[in-house]
Amino acid sequence: MKKLILAIDIDDDLGKKAGVVGPVIGREENLNAATRLAIEDPEDPDANVIFKAISIYDSSKKDSEDVEIITLTGDQRLGMAASSKISKQVDRVLSDFPATSCFLVSDGASDESVIPVVQSRLKIDGVYNLYIKQAKELEKTYFVIIEKLKDPTYAKILLGGPGLLLLLASLVYIYSIPWQYMGFLLGSYLLVKGFGMDSMAERAMRSIEIRKNKSVNAIFYLFIITLLGISLITGYNAYLEAGKRGMVGIESMAFSIGAMANIVFVLCMIILLAKFTDYYSRNSRINQIGTAANAVIVIASYFIIRIGAQWITNLEPDYISFGSFIELSMLVTIAAYIVVRYLDGVKADIIINSVESGANVIMEDGSLIGSTVGVEPKDQIIIVKTQLNRITKIPIEKVLSIAQNKDIIIEE
């Protein structure tokens, strides 16, 4: 039975400092990765973790054990982001190595938080916590604190949190602000951080990038924020107007949402048009079709929201009955579904005709899966040979784009 020697780099120092994308599979690959990391940052303990994993691997090989060494990399944001990446990498590794157990090697600090993630998929035979000899005792106190404060991720937690509390407390005292207002602000901040809404917003902003040009994107983001602000003001004014007309509860909300929907719809269409134009200039037909499908969904959603708001308020002729609302909503939904399915079919045909044998297949995060062997048009599947010479099949719907050099980018 195959056993895995897993080195854990939960904060992705390999990626940040050495430019190595995980998972790193094989002795030579791990040796090269650890050497690059040690050269970039001789004080980083993760390099020593990988070297120790190599040592354990070599010892196991001498004992004629069937083992493989792999380094798993997380995310510099730690927490759920790191655990999610580790989880996906473990699943990928197990698809190539049907192992039954593993041995973990970590630096003994935050890496241990991934134990439940690995344990849910593999039996863990043991865990080796590596400490630098000169700092074995300091690892648990002053040394760790000082080193972690150099990392922006830890600095935000250890300094940013208390700093925010002190700032809010000072503002309450200086300006005699009721504490409830500050409680609302602090609660909102904790809610955003706790549920990862900041990461969601960051991913959303990246998804609407026009070009890899900070100046162009900054102007575009400013335009988007301005229109969003206008939509909120419009919605608030509509809410006040609804009150003057005697509407309450769900009627006033529907009137307000209906007013906001017009501006949000225009904003979404401008974003999609800009993305379509960018893809057209780069001759990226796959992304052009994907953007067109998104536009169909936005248009259908807008019509359904507008029809629903009009049905609820029914301020002016032509009045809409509940039956008419259901009929129109179903008609719009079915029409949108047919168009989107057609566009998906066109997109699939383009992908099938564009896939070349031997092209690299790369995850969205940049990690290499393998190279293409062929395509099964009937099942809409791309056949890929992994780095370990194993065959895996990837559904065409997972393809995000095909680069000019024919590399295939797939979603995680």
Protein backbone atom coordinates (compact mmCIF):
# COMPACT_ATOMS: atom_id res chain seq x y z
CA MET A 1 0.00 0.00 0.00
CA LYS A 2 1.36 3.40 -0.98
CA LYS A 3 2.13 5.92 1.77
CA LEU A 4 2.50 9.68 1.24
CA ILE A 5 5.09 11.86 2.97
CA LEU A 6 3.31 15.23 3.13
CA ALA A 7 5.20 18.44 3.83
CA ILE A 8 2.85 21.28 4.79
CA ASP A 9 3.37 24.92 3.78
CA ILE A 10 0.06 26.37 4.91
CA ASP A 11 0.88 30.04 4.20
CA ASP A 12 2.26 29.30 0.70
CA ASP A 13 5.78 30.65 1.25
CA LEU A 14 6.83 28.53 -1.73
CA GLY A 15 4.50 30.51 -3.95
CA LYS A 16 5.15 33.93 -2.43
CA LYS A 17 8.93 33.75 -2.16
CA ALA A 18 10.09 31.11 -4.61
CA GLY A 19 7.33 31.20 -7.24
CA VAL A 20 6.64 27.46 -6.88
CA VAL A 21 3.03 26.33 -7.31
CA GLY A 22 1.78 23.41 -5.21
CA PRO A 23 1.33 20.57 -4.93
CA VAL A 24 5.00 19.74 -5.47
CA ILE A 25 5.31 16.05 -6.34
CA GLY A 26 8.46 13.92 -6.36
CA ARG A 27 11.85 13.99 -4.64
CA GLU A 28 13.73 16.06 -7.22
CA GLU A 29 10.92 18.60 -7.54
CA ASN A 30 10.75 19.01 -3.77
CA LEU A 31 14.53 19.30 -3.47
CA ASN A 32 14.56 22.04 -6.11
CA ALA A 33 11.63 23.85 -4.49
CA ALA A 34 13.20 23.74 -1.01
CA THR A 35 16.53 24.97 -2.39
CA ARG A 36 14.87 27.89 -4.18
CA LEU A 37 12.98 28.84 -1.03
CA ALA A 38 16.12 28.59 1.13
CA ILE A 39 17.98 30.85 -1.29
CA GLU A 40 15.17 33.43 -1.30
CA ASP A 41 14.71 33.36 2.48
CA PRO A 42 17.29 31.36 4.48
CA GLU A 43 15.31 31.97 7.70
CA ASP A 44 12.06 30.45 6.44
CA PRO A 45 11.35 27.18 8.34
CA ASP A 46 9.27 25.75 5.48
CA ALA A 47 12.44 25.01 3.52
CA ASN A 48 13.68 22.90 6.42
CA VAL A 49 10.30 21.17 6.60
CA ILE A 50 10.68 20.04 2.99
CA PHE A 51 14.28 18.94 3.56
CA LYS A 52 13.13 16.89 6.57
CA ALA A 53 10.34 15.34 4.48
CA ILE A 54 12.96 14.36 1.87
CA SER A 55 15.05 12.77 4.62
CA ILE A 56 12.04 10.73 5.81
CA TYR A 57 11.28 9.77 2.21
CA ASP A 58 14.85 8.54 1.65
CA SER A 59 14.77 6.49 4.85
CA SER A 60 11.46 4.93 3.84
CA LYS A 61 12.81 4.06 0.40
CA LYS A 62 15.79 2.30 2.02
CA ASP A 63 13.30 0.18 3.94
CA SER A 64 11.67 -0.73 0.59
CA GLU A 65 8.45 1.10 1.43
CA ASP A 66 6.15 2.27 -1.38
CA VAL A 67 6.14 6.01 -0.68
CA GLU A 68 5.88 9.33 -2.48
CA ILE A 69 6.82 12.79 -1.22
CA ILE A 70 4.49 15.72 -1.81
CA THR A 71 4.46 19.30 -0.53
CA LEU A 72 1.03 20.86 -0.09
CA THR A 73 0.72 24.65 -0.23
CA GLY A 74 -2.07 26.71 1.30
CA ASP A 75 -2.79 30.43 1.12
CA GLN A 76 -1.09 33.43 2.72
CA ARG A 77 -4.48 34.52 4.12
CA LEU A 78 -4.54 31.31 6.21
CA GLY A 79 -7.87 30.19 7.70
CA MET A 80 -10.53 28.85 5.34
CA ALA A 81 -8.67 30.01 2.22
CA ALA A 82 -5.61 27.91 3.13
CA SER A 83 -7.64 24.89 4.23
CA SER A 84 -9.66 25.01 1.00
CA LYS A 85 -6.53 24.97 -1.17
CA ILE A 86 -4.96 22.18 0.87
CA SER A 87 -8.20 20.19 0.57
CA LYS A 88 -8.29 20.54 -3.23
CA GLN A 89 -4.63 19.58 -3.53
CA VAL A 90 -5.13 16.47 -1.37
CA ASP A 91 -8.04 15.42 -3.61
CA ARG A 92 -5.90 15.92 -6.72
CA VAL A 93 -3.03 13.94 -5.24
CA LEU A 94 -5.30 11.06 -4.21
CA SER A 95 -6.73 10.87 -7.73
CA ASP A 96 -3.18 10.01 -8.90
CA PHE A 97 -2.02 8.15 -5.79
CA PRO A 98 -4.67 5.90 -4.24
CA ALA A 99 -2.76 5.98 -0.93
CA THR A 100 -4.14 4.59 2.30
CA SER A 101 -2.01 6.53 4.79
CA CYS A 102 0.38 9.43 5.15
CA PHE A 103 3.01 10.99 7.38
CA LEU A 104 2.85 14.75 7.97
CA VAL A 105 5.84 17.05 8.38
CA SER A 106 5.23 20.62 9.54
CA ASP A 107 6.90 23.48 11.38
CA GLY A 108 4.56 22.94 14.35
CA ALA A 109 2.96 26.39 14.29
CA SER A 110 -0.17 27.04 12.24
CA ASP A 111 0.37 24.07 9.92
CA GLU A 112 -1.32 21.71 12.37
CA SER A 113 -4.69 23.27 11.53
CA VAL A 114 -4.76 21.20 8.31
CA ILE A 115 -4.64 17.88 10.17
CA PRO A 116 -8.48 17.53 10.15
CA VAL A 117 -8.51 18.26 6.41
CA VAL A 118 -6.00 15.50 5.67
CA GLN A 119 -7.42 13.13 8.30
CA SER A 120 -10.85 13.24 6.64
CA ARG A 121 -9.30 11.65 3.53
CA LEU A 122 -6.30 9.65 4.76
CA LYS A 123 -5.12 7.77 7.80
CA ILE A 124 -2.31 9.77 9.43
CA ASP A 125 0.44 7.42 10.69
CA GLY A 126 2.35 10.23 12.37
CA VAL A 127 3.15 13.92 12.55
CA TYR A 128 6.67 15.34 12.76
CA ASN A 129 6.91 18.91 14.08
CA LEU A 130 10.19 20.46 13.02
CA TYR A 131 11.88 23.04 15.23
CA ILE A 132 15.08 24.92 14.48
CA LYS A 133 17.50 23.74 17.16
CA GLN A 134 18.68 27.18 18.24
CA ALA A 135 15.11 28.37 18.65
CA LYS A 136 13.25 25.36 19.98
CA GLU A 137 12.05 27.12 23.14
CA LEU A 138 11.71 30.55 21.58
CA GLU A 139 9.48 29.00 18.87
CA LYS A 140 6.66 29.01 21.39
CA THR A 141 7.10 32.57 22.70
CA TYR A 142 8.99 35.72 21.74
CA PHE A 143 10.62 34.39 18.57
CA VAL A 144 7.33 33.33 17.01
CA ILE A 145 5.63 36.62 17.85
CA ILE A 146 8.42 38.74 16.34
CA GLU A 147 8.66 36.59 13.21
CA LYS A 148 4.91 36.44 12.67
CA LEU A 149 4.56 40.22 13.04
CA LYS A 150 6.72 40.53 9.92
CA ASP A 151 4.00 38.67 8.01
CA PRO A 152 1.16 41.02 6.95
CA THR A 153 -1.39 38.25 7.55
CA TYR A 154 -0.50 37.91 11.23
CA ALA A 155 0.13 41.65 11.67
CA LYS A 156 -3.48 42.38 10.71
CA ILE A 157 -4.71 40.05 13.46
CA LEU A 158 -2.24 40.93 16.23
CA LEU A 159 -2.06 44.68 15.58
CA GLY A 160 -5.02 45.59 13.38
CA GLY A 161 -7.73 44.19 15.70
CA PRO A 162 -6.58 45.87 18.93
CA GLY A 163 -5.81 49.05 16.96
CA LEU A 164 -9.38 49.17 15.63
CA LEU A 165 -10.83 48.69 19.12
CA LEU A 166 -8.65 51.47 20.58
CA LEU A 167 -9.58 53.82 17.72
CA LEU A 168 -13.31 53.23 18.15
CA ALA A 169 -13.09 53.61 21.94
CA SER A 170 -11.20 56.91 21.52
CA LEU A 171 -13.77 58.26 19.04
CA VAL A 172 -16.62 57.36 21.40
CA TYR A 173 -14.93 59.23 24.25
CA ILE A 174 -13.74 62.30 22.30
CA TYR A 175 -16.95 62.99 20.36
CA SER A 176 -19.43 61.55 22.88
CA ILE A 177 -20.76 59.17 20.21
CA PRO A 178 -23.35 56.66 21.46
CA TRP A 179 -21.59 53.30 21.77
CA GLN A 180 -24.34 51.61 19.73
CA TYR A 181 -23.06 53.28 16.56
CA MET A 182 -19.53 52.06 17.15
CA GLY A 183 -20.92 48.64 18.02
CA PHE A 184 -22.68 48.59 14.65
CA LEU A 185 -19.45 49.50 12.82
CA LEU A 186 -17.36 46.96 14.74
CA GLY A 187 -20.01 44.26 14.29
CA SER A 188 -20.15 44.97 10.55
CA TYR A 189 -16.37 44.70 10.31
CA LEU A 190 -16.30 41.39 12.20
CA LEU A 191 -19.17 40.07 10.04
CA VAL A 192 -17.33 40.95 6.84
CA LYS A 193 -14.07 39.37 8.04
CA GLY A 194 -15.73 36.36 9.67
CA PHE A 195 -17.68 35.30 6.60
CA GLY A 196 -14.90 36.17 4.17
CA MET A 197 -16.96 38.87 2.45
CA ASP A 198 -13.80 40.88 1.81
CA SER A 199 -12.35 37.93 -0.14
CA MET A 200 -15.60 37.58 -2.07
CA ALA A 201 -15.50 41.28 -2.96
CA GLU A 202 -11.86 40.94 -4.02
CA ARG A 203 -12.70 37.99 -6.30
CA ALA A 204 -15.65 39.92 -7.73
CA MET A 205 -13.41 42.90 -8.51
CA ARG A 206 -10.87 40.63 -10.20
CA SER A 207 -13.61 39.06 -12.30
CA ILE A 208 -14.51 42.42 -13.84
CA GLU A 209 -10.97 43.45 -14.68
CA ILE A 210 -10.74 44.79 -18.21
CA ARG A 211 -7.01 44.62 -18.67
CA LYS A 212 -4.01 43.79 -16.50
CA ASN A 213 -3.53 47.55 -16.22
CA LYS A 214 -4.02 49.12 -12.80
CA SER A 215 -4.79 52.60 -14.16
CA VAL A 216 -7.48 51.40 -16.56
CA ASN A 217 -9.04 49.16 -13.93
CA ALA A 218 -8.95 51.91 -11.30
CA ILE A 219 -10.94 54.23 -13.57
CA PHE A 220 -13.36 51.43 -14.38
CA TYR A 221 -13.82 50.55 -10.69
CA LEU A 222 -14.46 54.23 -9.89
CA PHE A 223 -17.15 54.31 -12.56
CA ILE A 224 -18.75 51.14 -11.16
CA ILE A 225 -18.72 52.46 -7.58
CA THR A 226 -20.24 55.76 -8.77
CA LEU A 227 -23.11 54.00 -10.52
CA LEU A 228 -23.66 51.74 -7.50
CA GLY A 229 -23.82 54.84 -5.30
CA ILE A 230 -26.34 56.42 -7.67
CA SER A 231 -28.45 53.24 -7.60
CA LEU A 232 -28.50 53.25 -3.78
CA ILE A 233 -29.53 56.91 -3.70
CA THR A 234 -32.20 56.22 -6.32
CA GLY A 235 -33.48 53.29 -4.28
CA TYR A 236 -33.61 55.37 -1.10
CA ASN A 237 -35.47 58.21 -2.84
CA ALA A 238 -37.90 55.69 -4.32
CA TYR A 239 -38.47 54.27 -0.82
CA LEU A 240 -39.36 57.76 0.45
CA GLU A 241 -41.62 58.33 -2.56
CA ALA A 242 -43.36 55.01 -1.84
CA GLY A 243 -44.13 56.23 1.68
CA LYS A 244 -45.68 59.40 0.32
CA ARG A 245 -47.90 57.29 -1.96
CA GLY A 246 -49.12 55.28 1.00
CA MET A 247 -47.18 52.10 0.27
CA VAL A 248 -45.82 50.10 3.20
CA GLY A 249 -43.85 46.91 3.78
CA ILE A 250 -43.23 44.73 0.74
CA GLU A 251 -44.85 47.26 -1.62
CA SER A 252 -42.40 50.03 -0.71
CA MET A 253 -39.49 47.57 -0.98
CA ALA A 254 -40.64 46.40 -4.42
CA PHE A 255 -41.02 50.01 -5.59
CA SER A 256 -37.50 50.78 -4.36
CA ILE A 257 -35.95 47.64 -5.89
CA GLY A 258 -37.68 48.32 -9.20
CA ALA A 259 -36.13 51.80 -9.31
CA MET A 260 -32.66 50.48 -8.46
CA ALA A 261 -32.92 47.65 -10.99
CA ASN A 262 -32.77 50.04 -13.96
CA ILE A 263 -29.37 51.47 -12.96
CA VAL A 264 -27.95 48.10 -11.85
CA PHE A 265 -29.04 46.59 -15.18
CA VAL A 266 -27.28 49.35 -17.15
CA LEU A 267 -24.18 48.88 -14.99
CA CYS A 268 -24.08 45.11 -15.56
CA MET A 269 -24.52 45.52 -19.30
CA ILE A 270 -21.72 48.11 -19.46
CA ILE A 271 -19.40 45.72 -17.58
CA LEU A 272 -20.29 42.83 -19.87
CA LEU A 273 -19.91 44.99 -22.99
CA ALA A 274 -16.46 46.11 -21.80
CA LYS A 275 -15.45 42.50 -21.10
CA PHE A 276 -16.79 41.36 -24.49
CA THR A 277 -14.86 44.12 -26.27
CA ASP A 278 -11.68 43.16 -24.43
CA TYR A 279 -12.08 39.48 -25.32
CA TYR A 280 -12.86 40.43 -28.93
CA SER A 281 -9.64 42.43 -29.16
CA ARG A 282 -7.74 39.38 -27.88
CA ASN A 283 -9.65 37.02 -30.21
CA SER A 284 -10.80 34.95 -27.22
CA ARG A 285 -13.97 33.40 -28.69
CA ILE A 286 -14.58 31.13 -25.70
CA ASN A 287 -14.76 34.07 -23.31
CA GLN A 288 -16.82 36.09 -25.80
CA ILE A 289 -19.49 33.39 -25.81
CA GLY A 290 -19.33 33.05 -22.03
CA THR A 291 -19.86 36.80 -21.69
CA ALA A 292 -22.79 36.69 -24.14
CA ALA A 293 -24.39 33.92 -22.04
CA ASN A 294 -23.96 36.05 -18.90
CA ALA A 295 -25.62 38.95 -20.70
CA VAL A 296 -28.65 36.76 -21.51
CA ILE A 297 -28.93 35.79 -17.83
CA VAL A 298 -28.68 39.45 -16.74
CA ILE A 299 -31.37 40.54 -19.22
CA ALA A 300 -33.71 37.72 -18.13
CA SER A 301 -33.15 38.50 -14.45
CA TYR A 302 -33.85 42.19 -15.05
CA PHE A 303 -37.15 41.49 -16.79
CA ILE A 304 -38.29 39.11 -14.05
CA ILE A 305 -37.41 41.64 -11.32
CA ARG A 306 -39.18 44.45 -13.15
CA ILE A 307 -42.28 42.32 -13.80
CA GLY A 308 -42.32 41.19 -10.16
CA ALA A 309 -41.99 44.75 -8.85
CA GLN A 310 -44.79 45.93 -11.13
CA TRP A 311 -47.04 43.04 -10.05
CA ILE A 312 -46.52 43.86 -6.36
CA THR A 313 -47.10 47.61 -6.69
CA ASN A 314 -49.54 47.79 -9.68
CA LEU A 315 -49.56 51.59 -9.58
CA GLU A 316 -50.34 52.23 -13.22
CA PRO A 317 -52.06 50.43 -16.11
CA ASP A 318 -51.39 47.90 -17.57
CA TYR A 319 -51.93 46.07 -14.31
CA ILE A 320 -50.25 42.67 -13.94
CA SER A 321 -52.05 39.79 -12.27
CA PHE A 322 -50.27 37.01 -10.40
CA GLY A 323 -51.05 34.60 -13.23
CA SER A 324 -49.55 36.98 -15.79
CA PHE A 325 -46.45 37.40 -13.62
CA ILE A 326 -45.93 33.60 -13.48
CA GLU A 327 -46.54 33.18 -17.22
CA LEU A 328 -44.18 35.99 -18.22
CA SER A 329 -41.48 34.82 -15.76
CA MET A 330 -41.67 31.26 -17.11
CA LEU A 331 -41.56 32.48 -20.70
CA VAL A 332 -38.49 34.65 -20.05
CA THR A 333 -36.77 31.85 -18.09
CA ILE A 334 -37.37 29.22 -20.79
CA ALA A 335 -36.21 31.58 -23.55
CA ALA A 336 -33.05 32.43 -21.59
CA TYR A 337 -32.38 28.75 -20.87
CA ILE A 338 -32.65 27.83 -24.57
CA VAL A 339 -30.30 30.62 -25.64
CA VAL A 340 -27.74 29.85 -22.91
CA ARG A 341 -27.79 26.13 -23.75
CA TYR A 342 -27.23 26.98 -27.43
CA LEU A 343 -24.29 29.24 -26.55
CA ASP A 344 -22.84 26.53 -24.30
CA GLY A 345 -23.02 24.12 -27.25
CA VAL A 346 -21.19 26.60 -29.50
CA LYS A 347 -18.59 27.14 -26.77
CA ALA A 348 -18.08 23.38 -26.40
CA ASP A 349 -17.58 22.97 -30.16
CA ILE A 350 -14.97 25.74 -30.17
CA ILE A 351 -13.11 24.11 -27.26
CA ILE A 352 -13.18 20.67 -28.90
CA ASN A 353 -11.80 22.08 -32.15
CA SER A 354 -9.18 24.19 -30.34
CA VAL A 355 -7.65 21.52 -28.10
CA GLU A 356 -4.27 20.38 -29.37
CA SER A 357 -2.51 17.21 -28.28
CA GLY A 358 0.26 17.90 -25.77
CA ALA A 359 -1.15 21.25 -24.62
CA ASN A 360 -0.68 22.09 -20.94
CA VAL A 361 -3.75 21.90 -18.70
CA ILE A 362 -3.48 24.43 -15.89
CA MET A 363 -5.66 25.16 -12.88
CA GLU A 364 -7.00 28.67 -12.33
CA ASP A 365 -4.44 29.16 -9.53
CA GLY A 366 -1.58 28.36 -11.92
CA SER A 367 -0.83 24.77 -10.87
CA LEU A 368 -0.07 22.36 -13.70
CA ILE A 369 -2.29 19.27 -13.99
CA GLY A 370 -0.71 17.68 -17.06
CA SER A 371 -0.97 17.67 -20.85
CA THR A 372 -3.77 16.79 -23.24
CA VAL A 373 -3.90 13.39 -24.91
CA GLY A 374 -7.14 13.74 -26.81
CA VAL A 375 -10.82 14.71 -26.74
CA GLU A 376 -14.05 12.71 -26.55
CA PRO A 377 -16.50 14.99 -28.46
CA LYS A 378 -19.53 12.81 -27.76
CA ASP A 379 -19.03 12.90 -23.98
CA GLN A 380 -17.53 16.42 -24.12
CA ILE A 381 -14.46 15.35 -22.16
CA ILE A 382 -10.78 16.27 -22.47
CA ILE A 383 -8.36 13.39 -21.79
CA VAL A 384 -5.31 14.52 -19.82
CA LYS A 385 -2.10 12.75 -18.84
CA THR A 386 -0.99 14.01 -15.42
CA GLN A 387 2.58 14.69 -14.34
CA LEU A 388 2.62 11.15 -12.91
CA ASN A 389 1.64 9.60 -16.27
CA ARG A 390 -1.86 8.80 -15.12
CA ILE A 391 -4.93 9.42 -17.30
CA THR A 392 -7.69 11.68 -16.03
CA LYS A 393 -10.77 13.10 -17.72
CA ILE A 394 -11.89 16.73 -17.45
CA PRO A 395 -15.39 17.88 -18.50
CA ILE A 396 -15.33 20.60 -21.15
CA GLU A 397 -17.62 22.80 -19.01
CA LYS A 398 -14.70 23.25 -16.60
CA VAL A 399 -12.61 25.01 -19.27
CA LEU A 400 -12.35 28.73 -18.57
CA SER A 401 -10.19 29.74 -21.52
CA ILE A 402 -7.54 28.62 -23.99
CA ALA A 403 -4.46 30.84 -24.11
CA GLN A 404 -2.74 31.94 -27.30
CA ASN A 405 -0.03 29.34 -26.66
CA LYS A 406 -2.88 26.73 -26.51
CA ASP A 407 -2.59 26.20 -22.72
CA ILE A 408 -5.99 25.21 -21.31
CA ILE A 409 -7.12 27.02 -18.14
CA ILE A 410 -9.72 25.18 -16.06
CA GLU A 411 -11.64 26.18 -12.96
CA GLU A 412 -10.73 24.79 -9.53
